[in-house]
Amino acid sequence: MNGKRPQLIQEDFEDSEGEILQLVSFQLGLEEFAIDILGVQEIIRFVEITPVPNAPYYVEGVVNLRGKVIPIINLRSRFGLSAAESTKDTRIIVVEVEHSILGFIVDSVEEVLRLPANVIEPPPTTGRGGSDDFHKGVGRVEGRLLILLDLQLLFGLSKVA
């Protein structure tokens, strides 16, 4: 998308009190999202995905990752966004949720950053439901808003159906 490579942001938070969150940020359409880095197993380039018959609309299919078959979620579909062609920046973020490994497609991975938990605000209530249910909060980073997603709510086995 913007051609910049992921980088570690080393900001000085020594004066901040409380927890420091380590996040991976990624682009999906015009929005920037982030997830806790502790849930991320790896980030891979977009690979060929084998479709699975009768899968939910947002399940793109499965891939074989070093001998392990993992489901791949199309996050654009999950959030009701229009489809987009994959580019050289498209990535699959592989995560572990509720002892299950799965991947999800993003337009690009932006950066790994550290953010004090006290700068995270609760998600705004829009009353629409849908993807709002997956928001953990909103952070301000260098003048931009970063939507934090809750992997448990987004991909928890009880929610994905």
N, C-alpha and C. Protein backbone atom coordinates (compact mmCIF):
# COMPACT_ATOMS: atom_id res chain seq x y z
N MET A 1 0.83 -1.18 0.00
CA MET A 1 0.00 0.00 0.00
C MET A 1 0.88 1.25 0.00
N ASN A 2 1.49 1.55 1.14
CA ASN A 2 2.30 2.76 1.19
C ASN A 2 3.78 2.47 0.98
N GLY A 3 4.15 1.20 0.80
CA GLY A 3 5.52 0.84 0.47
C GLY A 3 6.50 0.85 1.62
N LYS A 4 6.09 1.31 2.79
CA LYS A 4 7.04 1.31 3.90
C LYS A 4 7.13 -0.07 4.53
N ARG A 5 8.27 -0.41 5.04
CA ARG A 5 8.48 -1.71 5.63
C ARG A 5 8.12 -1.65 7.11
N PRO A 6 7.64 -2.77 7.68
CA PRO A 6 7.35 -2.77 9.11
C PRO A 6 8.61 -2.41 9.91
N GLN A 7 8.43 -1.66 10.95
CA GLN A 7 9.57 -1.25 11.76
C GLN A 7 9.17 -1.23 13.22
N LEU A 8 10.14 -1.36 14.07
CA LEU A 8 9.89 -1.30 15.51
C LEU A 8 9.99 0.16 15.94
N ILE A 9 8.95 0.64 16.56
CA ILE A 9 8.94 2.02 17.04
C ILE A 9 9.47 2.00 18.47
N GLN A 10 10.57 2.67 18.70
CA GLN A 10 11.19 2.70 20.02
C GLN A 10 10.94 4.07 20.64
N GLU A 11 9.75 4.25 21.20
CA GLU A 11 9.45 5.52 21.83
C GLU A 11 9.79 5.42 23.31
N ASP A 12 10.06 6.55 23.90
CA ASP A 12 10.44 6.57 25.30
C ASP A 12 9.20 6.70 26.17
N PHE A 13 8.78 5.59 26.78
CA PHE A 13 7.61 5.59 27.64
C PHE A 13 8.00 5.45 29.10
N GLU A 14 9.22 5.76 29.45
CA GLU A 14 9.67 5.58 30.82
C GLU A 14 8.83 6.40 31.80
N ASP A 15 8.34 7.55 31.35
CA ASP A 15 7.54 8.40 32.22
C ASP A 15 6.10 7.91 32.34
N SER A 16 5.69 7.00 31.42
CA SER A 16 4.33 6.47 31.48
C SER A 16 4.21 5.48 32.60
N GLU A 17 3.10 5.57 33.30
CA GLU A 17 2.83 4.60 34.35
C GLU A 17 1.92 3.54 33.78
N GLY A 18 2.07 2.32 34.26
CA GLY A 18 1.17 1.25 33.85
C GLY A 18 1.72 0.41 32.72
N GLU A 19 0.82 -0.38 32.18
CA GLU A 19 1.15 -1.39 31.18
C GLU A 19 1.49 -0.77 29.82
N ILE A 20 2.48 -1.36 29.15
CA ILE A 20 2.82 -0.98 27.79
C ILE A 20 2.38 -2.13 26.87
N LEU A 21 1.55 -1.82 25.89
CA LEU A 21 1.07 -2.82 24.94
C LEU A 21 2.00 -2.88 23.75
N GLN A 22 2.33 -4.09 23.31
CA GLN A 22 3.08 -4.27 22.08
C GLN A 22 2.09 -4.75 21.03
N LEU A 23 1.98 -4.01 19.95
CA LEU A 23 0.95 -4.23 18.95
C LEU A 23 1.55 -4.38 17.56
N VAL A 24 0.84 -5.12 16.72
CA VAL A 24 1.14 -5.19 15.29
C VAL A 24 0.03 -4.42 14.61
N SER A 25 0.38 -3.41 13.82
CA SER A 25 -0.65 -2.65 13.11
C SER A 25 -0.68 -3.08 11.65
N PHE A 26 -1.91 -3.02 11.09
CA PHE A 26 -2.08 -3.41 9.70
C PHE A 26 -3.18 -2.58 9.07
N GLN A 27 -3.13 -2.51 7.75
CA GLN A 27 -4.08 -1.73 6.97
C GLN A 27 -5.14 -2.67 6.40
N LEU A 28 -6.37 -2.21 6.44
CA LEU A 28 -7.49 -2.92 5.84
C LEU A 28 -8.38 -1.83 5.25
N GLY A 29 -8.36 -1.71 3.95
CA GLY A 29 -9.05 -0.60 3.32
C GLY A 29 -8.39 0.70 3.73
N LEU A 30 -9.18 1.66 4.15
CA LEU A 30 -8.64 2.96 4.57
C LEU A 30 -8.34 3.03 6.05
N GLU A 31 -8.67 1.96 6.78
CA GLU A 31 -8.50 1.97 8.24
C GLU A 31 -7.24 1.25 8.67
N GLU A 32 -6.69 1.69 9.81
CA GLU A 32 -5.54 1.02 10.40
C GLU A 32 -5.99 0.34 11.69
N PHE A 33 -5.69 -0.93 11.78
CA PHE A 33 -6.06 -1.75 12.92
C PHE A 33 -4.81 -2.24 13.62
N ALA A 34 -4.97 -2.77 14.83
CA ALA A 34 -3.84 -3.35 15.55
C ALA A 34 -4.34 -4.50 16.41
N ILE A 35 -3.43 -5.46 16.64
CA ILE A 35 -3.70 -6.57 17.53
C ILE A 35 -2.50 -6.75 18.45
N ASP A 36 -2.74 -7.37 19.57
CA ASP A 36 -1.67 -7.65 20.53
C ASP A 36 -0.68 -8.61 19.90
N ILE A 37 0.60 -8.26 19.96
CA ILE A 37 1.63 -9.07 19.33
C ILE A 37 1.75 -10.45 19.96
N LEU A 38 1.31 -10.60 21.20
CA LEU A 38 1.42 -11.89 21.88
C LEU A 38 0.58 -12.97 21.20
N GLY A 39 -0.46 -12.59 20.49
CA GLY A 39 -1.29 -13.56 19.79
C GLY A 39 -0.77 -13.92 18.42
N VAL A 40 0.22 -13.18 17.92
CA VAL A 40 0.72 -13.38 16.56
C VAL A 40 1.80 -14.46 16.56
N GLN A 41 1.60 -15.48 15.72
CA GLN A 41 2.62 -16.51 15.57
C GLN A 41 3.62 -16.12 14.49
N GLU A 42 3.10 -15.63 13.36
CA GLU A 42 3.97 -15.18 12.28
C GLU A 42 3.16 -14.40 11.27
N ILE A 43 3.89 -13.73 10.38
CA ILE A 43 3.28 -12.97 9.29
C ILE A 43 3.92 -13.48 8.01
N ILE A 44 3.08 -13.93 7.07
CA ILE A 44 3.60 -14.51 5.84
C ILE A 44 3.07 -13.76 4.63
N ARG A 45 3.77 -13.90 3.53
CA ARG A 45 3.29 -13.35 2.27
C ARG A 45 2.03 -14.09 1.85
N PHE A 46 1.24 -13.44 1.02
CA PHE A 46 0.01 -14.06 0.53
C PHE A 46 0.38 -15.28 -0.31
N VAL A 47 -0.27 -16.40 -0.04
CA VAL A 47 -0.01 -17.65 -0.76
C VAL A 47 -1.33 -18.15 -1.36
N GLU A 48 -1.23 -19.15 -2.21
CA GLU A 48 -2.43 -19.74 -2.80
C GLU A 48 -3.26 -20.40 -1.70
N ILE A 49 -4.56 -20.13 -1.71
CA ILE A 49 -5.47 -20.64 -0.70
C ILE A 49 -6.40 -21.66 -1.36
N THR A 50 -6.55 -22.81 -0.73
CA THR A 50 -7.45 -23.84 -1.23
C THR A 50 -8.84 -23.61 -0.65
N PRO A 51 -9.83 -23.40 -1.53
CA PRO A 51 -11.20 -23.17 -1.03
C PRO A 51 -11.75 -24.39 -0.30
N VAL A 52 -12.65 -24.15 0.64
CA VAL A 52 -13.30 -25.22 1.40
C VAL A 52 -14.81 -25.11 1.12
N PRO A 53 -15.41 -26.19 0.58
CA PRO A 53 -16.85 -26.13 0.30
C PRO A 53 -17.67 -25.92 1.57
N ASN A 54 -18.75 -25.19 1.45
CA ASN A 54 -19.71 -24.94 2.53
C ASN A 54 -19.12 -24.21 3.74
N ALA A 55 -18.01 -23.54 3.56
CA ALA A 55 -17.42 -22.75 4.64
C ALA A 55 -18.20 -21.45 4.79
N PRO A 56 -18.15 -20.82 5.96
CA PRO A 56 -18.79 -19.51 6.11
C PRO A 56 -18.25 -18.51 5.08
N TYR A 57 -19.04 -17.49 4.76
CA TYR A 57 -18.69 -16.53 3.71
C TYR A 57 -17.34 -15.87 3.91
N TYR A 58 -16.89 -15.72 5.13
CA TYR A 58 -15.64 -15.02 5.39
C TYR A 58 -14.42 -15.96 5.45
N VAL A 59 -14.64 -17.27 5.33
CA VAL A 59 -13.51 -18.21 5.32
C VAL A 59 -13.07 -18.38 3.87
N GLU A 60 -11.88 -17.90 3.57
CA GLU A 60 -11.34 -17.94 2.22
C GLU A 60 -10.97 -19.37 1.82
N GLY A 61 -10.53 -20.15 2.80
CA GLY A 61 -10.11 -21.52 2.54
C GLY A 61 -9.05 -21.93 3.54
N VAL A 62 -8.15 -22.82 3.12
CA VAL A 62 -7.07 -23.29 3.99
C VAL A 62 -5.74 -23.23 3.25
N VAL A 63 -4.65 -23.19 4.02
CA VAL A 63 -3.30 -23.27 3.46
C VAL A 63 -2.53 -24.32 4.27
N ASN A 64 -1.52 -24.86 3.63
CA ASN A 64 -0.62 -25.79 4.29
C ASN A 64 0.61 -24.99 4.72
N LEU A 65 0.77 -24.81 6.01
CA LEU A 65 1.90 -24.04 6.54
C LEU A 65 2.82 -25.00 7.29
N ARG A 66 3.90 -25.38 6.62
CA ARG A 66 4.88 -26.32 7.18
C ARG A 66 4.22 -27.58 7.72
N GLY A 67 3.35 -28.17 6.91
CA GLY A 67 2.72 -29.43 7.27
C GLY A 67 1.47 -29.31 8.11
N LYS A 68 1.09 -28.11 8.47
CA LYS A 68 -0.11 -27.90 9.27
C LYS A 68 -1.14 -27.14 8.42
N VAL A 69 -2.35 -27.69 8.35
CA VAL A 69 -3.42 -27.04 7.59
C VAL A 69 -4.12 -26.04 8.49
N ILE A 70 -4.16 -24.77 8.04
CA ILE A 70 -4.80 -23.74 8.85
C ILE A 70 -5.86 -22.99 8.03
N PRO A 71 -6.98 -22.65 8.65
CA PRO A 71 -8.01 -21.88 7.96
C PRO A 71 -7.55 -20.43 7.78
N ILE A 72 -8.00 -19.84 6.67
CA ILE A 72 -7.68 -18.44 6.36
C ILE A 72 -8.97 -17.64 6.28
N ILE A 73 -9.04 -16.61 7.10
CA ILE A 73 -10.21 -15.73 7.18
C ILE A 73 -9.97 -14.50 6.31
N ASN A 74 -10.97 -14.14 5.52
CA ASN A 74 -10.91 -12.90 4.76
C ASN A 74 -11.49 -11.80 5.65
N LEU A 75 -10.61 -11.00 6.25
CA LEU A 75 -11.06 -9.99 7.21
C LEU A 75 -11.92 -8.92 6.54
N ARG A 76 -11.67 -8.66 5.25
CA ARG A 76 -12.52 -7.69 4.54
C ARG A 76 -13.97 -8.20 4.53
N SER A 77 -14.15 -9.47 4.21
CA SER A 77 -15.50 -10.06 4.19
C SER A 77 -16.10 -10.05 5.59
N ARG A 78 -15.30 -10.40 6.58
CA ARG A 78 -15.78 -10.46 7.97
C ARG A 78 -16.30 -9.11 8.43
N PHE A 79 -15.65 -8.02 7.95
CA PHE A 79 -16.05 -6.67 8.33
C PHE A 79 -17.03 -6.03 7.34
N GLY A 80 -17.43 -6.76 6.33
CA GLY A 80 -18.38 -6.21 5.36
C GLY A 80 -17.78 -5.20 4.41
N LEU A 81 -16.47 -5.26 4.19
CA LEU A 81 -15.81 -4.35 3.25
C LEU A 81 -15.80 -4.97 1.86
N SER A 82 -15.66 -4.14 0.84
CA SER A 82 -15.61 -4.65 -0.53
C SER A 82 -14.33 -5.45 -0.76
N ALA A 83 -14.40 -6.38 -1.68
CA ALA A 83 -13.25 -7.22 -2.00
C ALA A 83 -12.15 -6.38 -2.64
N ALA A 84 -10.91 -6.85 -2.50
CA ALA A 84 -9.77 -6.17 -3.11
C ALA A 84 -8.81 -7.22 -3.64
N GLU A 85 -8.17 -6.90 -4.73
CA GLU A 85 -7.17 -7.80 -5.29
C GLU A 85 -5.95 -7.82 -4.38
N SER A 86 -5.28 -8.97 -4.31
CA SER A 86 -4.06 -9.03 -3.50
C SER A 86 -2.95 -8.30 -4.25
N THR A 87 -2.05 -7.71 -3.48
CA THR A 87 -0.91 -6.97 -4.03
C THR A 87 0.37 -7.54 -3.43
N LYS A 88 1.48 -6.94 -3.78
CA LYS A 88 2.76 -7.38 -3.20
C LYS A 88 2.81 -7.11 -1.69
N ASP A 89 1.95 -6.21 -1.20
CA ASP A 89 1.92 -5.88 0.23
C ASP A 89 0.95 -6.75 1.03
N THR A 90 0.06 -7.50 0.36
CA THR A 90 -0.92 -8.32 1.05
C THR A 90 -0.21 -9.37 1.91
N ARG A 91 -0.69 -9.53 3.13
CA ARG A 91 -0.08 -10.49 4.06
C ARG A 91 -1.15 -11.32 4.74
N ILE A 92 -0.70 -12.45 5.27
CA ILE A 92 -1.54 -13.29 6.12
C ILE A 92 -0.91 -13.27 7.50
N ILE A 93 -1.69 -12.83 8.49
CA ILE A 93 -1.22 -12.82 9.87
C ILE A 93 -1.73 -14.10 10.51
N VAL A 94 -0.80 -14.93 10.98
CA VAL A 94 -1.13 -16.21 11.60
C VAL A 94 -1.17 -16.00 13.11
N VAL A 95 -2.31 -16.36 13.71
CA VAL A 95 -2.51 -16.13 15.14
C VAL A 95 -2.98 -17.41 15.81
N GLU A 96 -2.86 -17.43 17.14
CA GLU A 96 -3.43 -18.51 17.94
C GLU A 96 -4.55 -17.92 18.78
N VAL A 97 -5.73 -18.52 18.65
CA VAL A 97 -6.90 -18.08 19.40
C VAL A 97 -7.58 -19.32 19.96
N GLU A 98 -7.77 -19.34 21.26
CA GLU A 98 -8.42 -20.46 21.94
C GLU A 98 -7.81 -21.79 21.52
N HIS A 99 -6.49 -21.85 21.52
CA HIS A 99 -5.71 -23.05 21.19
C HIS A 99 -5.87 -23.51 19.75
N SER A 100 -6.37 -22.65 18.87
CA SER A 100 -6.49 -22.95 17.45
C SER A 100 -5.60 -21.97 16.67
N ILE A 101 -4.97 -22.48 15.63
CA ILE A 101 -4.15 -21.64 14.76
C ILE A 101 -4.97 -21.30 13.53
N LEU A 102 -5.00 -20.02 13.16
CA LEU A 102 -5.66 -19.58 11.94
C LEU A 102 -4.95 -18.36 11.41
N GLY A 103 -5.26 -18.02 10.18
CA GLY A 103 -4.67 -16.84 9.57
C GLY A 103 -5.75 -15.91 9.07
N PHE A 104 -5.41 -14.64 8.93
CA PHE A 104 -6.35 -13.71 8.32
C PHE A 104 -5.60 -12.79 7.38
N ILE A 105 -6.30 -12.43 6.30
CA ILE A 105 -5.70 -11.64 5.23
C ILE A 105 -5.85 -10.15 5.53
N VAL A 106 -4.75 -9.41 5.37
CA VAL A 106 -4.77 -7.95 5.52
C VAL A 106 -4.14 -7.33 4.28
N ASP A 107 -4.47 -6.07 4.02
CA ASP A 107 -3.92 -5.38 2.86
C ASP A 107 -2.42 -5.16 2.99
N SER A 108 -1.97 -4.82 4.19
CA SER A 108 -0.54 -4.66 4.44
C SER A 108 -0.30 -4.62 5.95
N VAL A 109 0.89 -5.04 6.33
CA VAL A 109 1.31 -4.92 7.73
C VAL A 109 2.12 -3.64 7.81
N GLU A 110 1.80 -2.79 8.77
CA GLU A 110 2.42 -1.48 8.85
C GLU A 110 3.65 -1.46 9.75
N GLU A 111 3.45 -1.80 11.05
CA GLU A 111 4.57 -1.69 11.99
C GLU A 111 4.27 -2.44 13.27
N VAL A 112 5.32 -2.64 14.04
CA VAL A 112 5.21 -3.16 15.39
C VAL A 112 5.47 -1.96 16.29
N LEU A 113 4.59 -1.72 17.25
CA LEU A 113 4.77 -0.54 18.08
C LEU A 113 4.43 -0.82 19.53
N ARG A 114 4.91 0.05 20.38
CA ARG A 114 4.65 -0.01 21.83
C ARG A 114 3.78 1.18 22.17
N LEU A 115 2.71 0.90 22.91
CA LEU A 115 1.75 1.94 23.23
C LEU A 115 1.32 1.80 24.69
N PRO A 116 1.38 2.87 25.46
CA PRO A 116 0.92 2.78 26.86
C PRO A 116 -0.58 2.47 26.89
N ALA A 117 -0.98 1.54 27.74
CA ALA A 117 -2.39 1.15 27.85
C ALA A 117 -3.27 2.34 28.23
N ASN A 118 -2.70 3.32 28.94
CA ASN A 118 -3.52 4.44 29.38
C ASN A 118 -3.87 5.43 28.26
N VAL A 119 -3.33 5.26 27.05
CA VAL A 119 -3.72 6.12 25.94
C VAL A 119 -4.78 5.46 25.07
N ILE A 120 -5.19 4.25 25.46
CA ILE A 120 -6.25 3.55 24.74
C ILE A 120 -7.59 3.97 25.30
N GLU A 121 -8.47 4.43 24.42
CA GLU A 121 -9.81 4.84 24.83
C GLU A 121 -10.79 3.73 24.50
N PRO A 122 -11.88 3.62 25.25
CA PRO A 122 -12.89 2.61 24.92
C PRO A 122 -13.42 2.84 23.51
N PRO A 123 -13.85 1.77 22.84
CA PRO A 123 -14.38 1.96 21.48
C PRO A 123 -15.66 2.78 21.51
N PRO A 124 -15.85 3.63 20.51
CA PRO A 124 -17.09 4.40 20.45
C PRO A 124 -18.26 3.48 20.17
N THR A 125 -19.41 3.79 20.72
CA THR A 125 -20.61 3.01 20.48
C THR A 125 -21.33 3.59 19.29
N THR A 126 -21.48 2.75 18.25
CA THR A 126 -22.16 3.24 17.06
C THR A 126 -23.57 2.68 16.96
N GLY A 127 -23.85 1.64 17.76
CA GLY A 127 -25.18 1.06 17.74
C GLY A 127 -25.45 0.18 16.54
N ARG A 128 -24.39 -0.08 15.75
CA ARG A 128 -24.58 -0.87 14.54
C ARG A 128 -24.29 -2.34 14.77
N GLY A 129 -23.56 -2.69 15.81
CA GLY A 129 -23.17 -4.10 16.00
C GLY A 129 -22.12 -4.47 14.97
N GLY A 130 -22.11 -5.72 14.52
CA GLY A 130 -21.16 -6.15 13.50
C GLY A 130 -19.74 -6.07 13.99
N SER A 131 -18.86 -5.40 13.22
CA SER A 131 -17.44 -5.35 13.58
C SER A 131 -17.20 -4.56 14.85
N ASP A 132 -18.17 -3.72 15.26
CA ASP A 132 -18.01 -2.97 16.51
C ASP A 132 -17.82 -3.91 17.69
N ASP A 133 -18.41 -5.10 17.59
CA ASP A 133 -18.32 -6.07 18.67
C ASP A 133 -16.89 -6.55 18.91
N PHE A 134 -16.00 -6.36 17.95
CA PHE A 134 -14.65 -6.88 18.03
C PHE A 134 -13.63 -5.83 18.47
N HIS A 135 -14.05 -4.61 18.62
CA HIS A 135 -13.13 -3.53 18.98
C HIS A 135 -12.79 -3.57 20.46
N LYS A 136 -11.49 -3.49 20.75
CA LYS A 136 -11.02 -3.45 22.13
C LYS A 136 -10.89 -2.00 22.59
N GLY A 137 -10.60 -1.13 21.65
CA GLY A 137 -10.42 0.28 21.97
C GLY A 137 -9.82 1.01 20.79
N VAL A 138 -9.54 2.29 21.00
CA VAL A 138 -8.95 3.14 19.97
C VAL A 138 -7.76 3.86 20.59
N GLY A 139 -6.63 3.79 19.90
CA GLY A 139 -5.43 4.48 20.36
C GLY A 139 -5.03 5.57 19.41
N ARG A 140 -4.37 6.57 19.94
CA ARG A 140 -3.85 7.66 19.11
C ARG A 140 -2.34 7.48 19.01
N VAL A 141 -1.87 7.39 17.77
CA VAL A 141 -0.45 7.18 17.52
C VAL A 141 0.00 8.18 16.47
N GLU A 142 0.88 9.06 16.85
CA GLU A 142 1.46 10.04 15.92
C GLU A 142 0.39 10.73 15.07
N GLY A 143 -0.70 11.15 15.71
CA GLY A 143 -1.74 11.90 15.02
C GLY A 143 -2.74 11.07 14.24
N ARG A 144 -2.64 9.75 14.30
CA ARG A 144 -3.62 8.91 13.61
C ARG A 144 -4.32 8.01 14.62
N LEU A 145 -5.51 7.54 14.23
CA LEU A 145 -6.27 6.66 15.10
C LEU A 145 -5.99 5.21 14.72
N LEU A 146 -5.85 4.38 15.72
CA LEU A 146 -5.55 2.97 15.56
C LEU A 146 -6.64 2.18 16.26
N ILE A 147 -7.37 1.35 15.52
CA ILE A 147 -8.46 0.56 16.10
C ILE A 147 -7.88 -0.77 16.59
N LEU A 148 -7.99 -1.00 17.88
CA LEU A 148 -7.48 -2.25 18.47
C LEU A 148 -8.56 -3.31 18.41
N LEU A 149 -8.20 -4.48 17.89
CA LEU A 149 -9.14 -5.59 17.77
C LEU A 149 -8.89 -6.61 18.86
N ASP A 150 -9.95 -7.24 19.32
CA ASP A 150 -9.86 -8.30 20.31
C ASP A 150 -9.93 -9.63 19.57
N LEU A 151 -8.82 -10.36 19.50
CA LEU A 151 -8.77 -11.62 18.77
C LEU A 151 -9.74 -12.66 19.32
N GLN A 152 -9.91 -12.68 20.64
CA GLN A 152 -10.84 -13.64 21.25
C GLN A 152 -12.26 -13.42 20.75
N LEU A 153 -12.68 -12.16 20.69
CA LEU A 153 -14.03 -11.85 20.22
C LEU A 153 -14.15 -12.00 18.70
N LEU A 154 -13.09 -11.65 18.00
CA LEU A 154 -13.11 -11.70 16.54
C LEU A 154 -13.10 -13.12 16.01
N PHE A 155 -12.25 -13.98 16.60
CA PHE A 155 -12.07 -15.33 16.08
C PHE A 155 -12.38 -16.43 17.08
N GLY A 156 -12.88 -16.07 18.26
CA GLY A 156 -13.19 -17.10 19.25
C GLY A 156 -14.15 -18.12 18.67
N LEU A 157 -13.93 -19.37 18.99
CA LEU A 157 -14.74 -20.44 18.41
C LEU A 157 -16.21 -20.26 18.69
N SER A 158 -16.55 -19.63 19.81
CA SER A 158 -17.96 -19.43 20.13
C SER A 158 -18.58 -18.33 19.27
N LYS A 159 -17.77 -17.41 18.73
CA LYS A 159 -18.30 -16.30 17.93
C LYS A 159 -18.31 -16.62 16.43
N VAL A 160 -17.31 -17.39 15.95
CA VAL A 160 -17.18 -17.67 14.53
C VAL A 160 -18.13 -18.82 14.19
N ALA A 161 -19.14 -18.51 13.44
CA ALA A 161 -20.10 -19.55 13.05
C ALA A 161 -20.70 -19.24 11.70
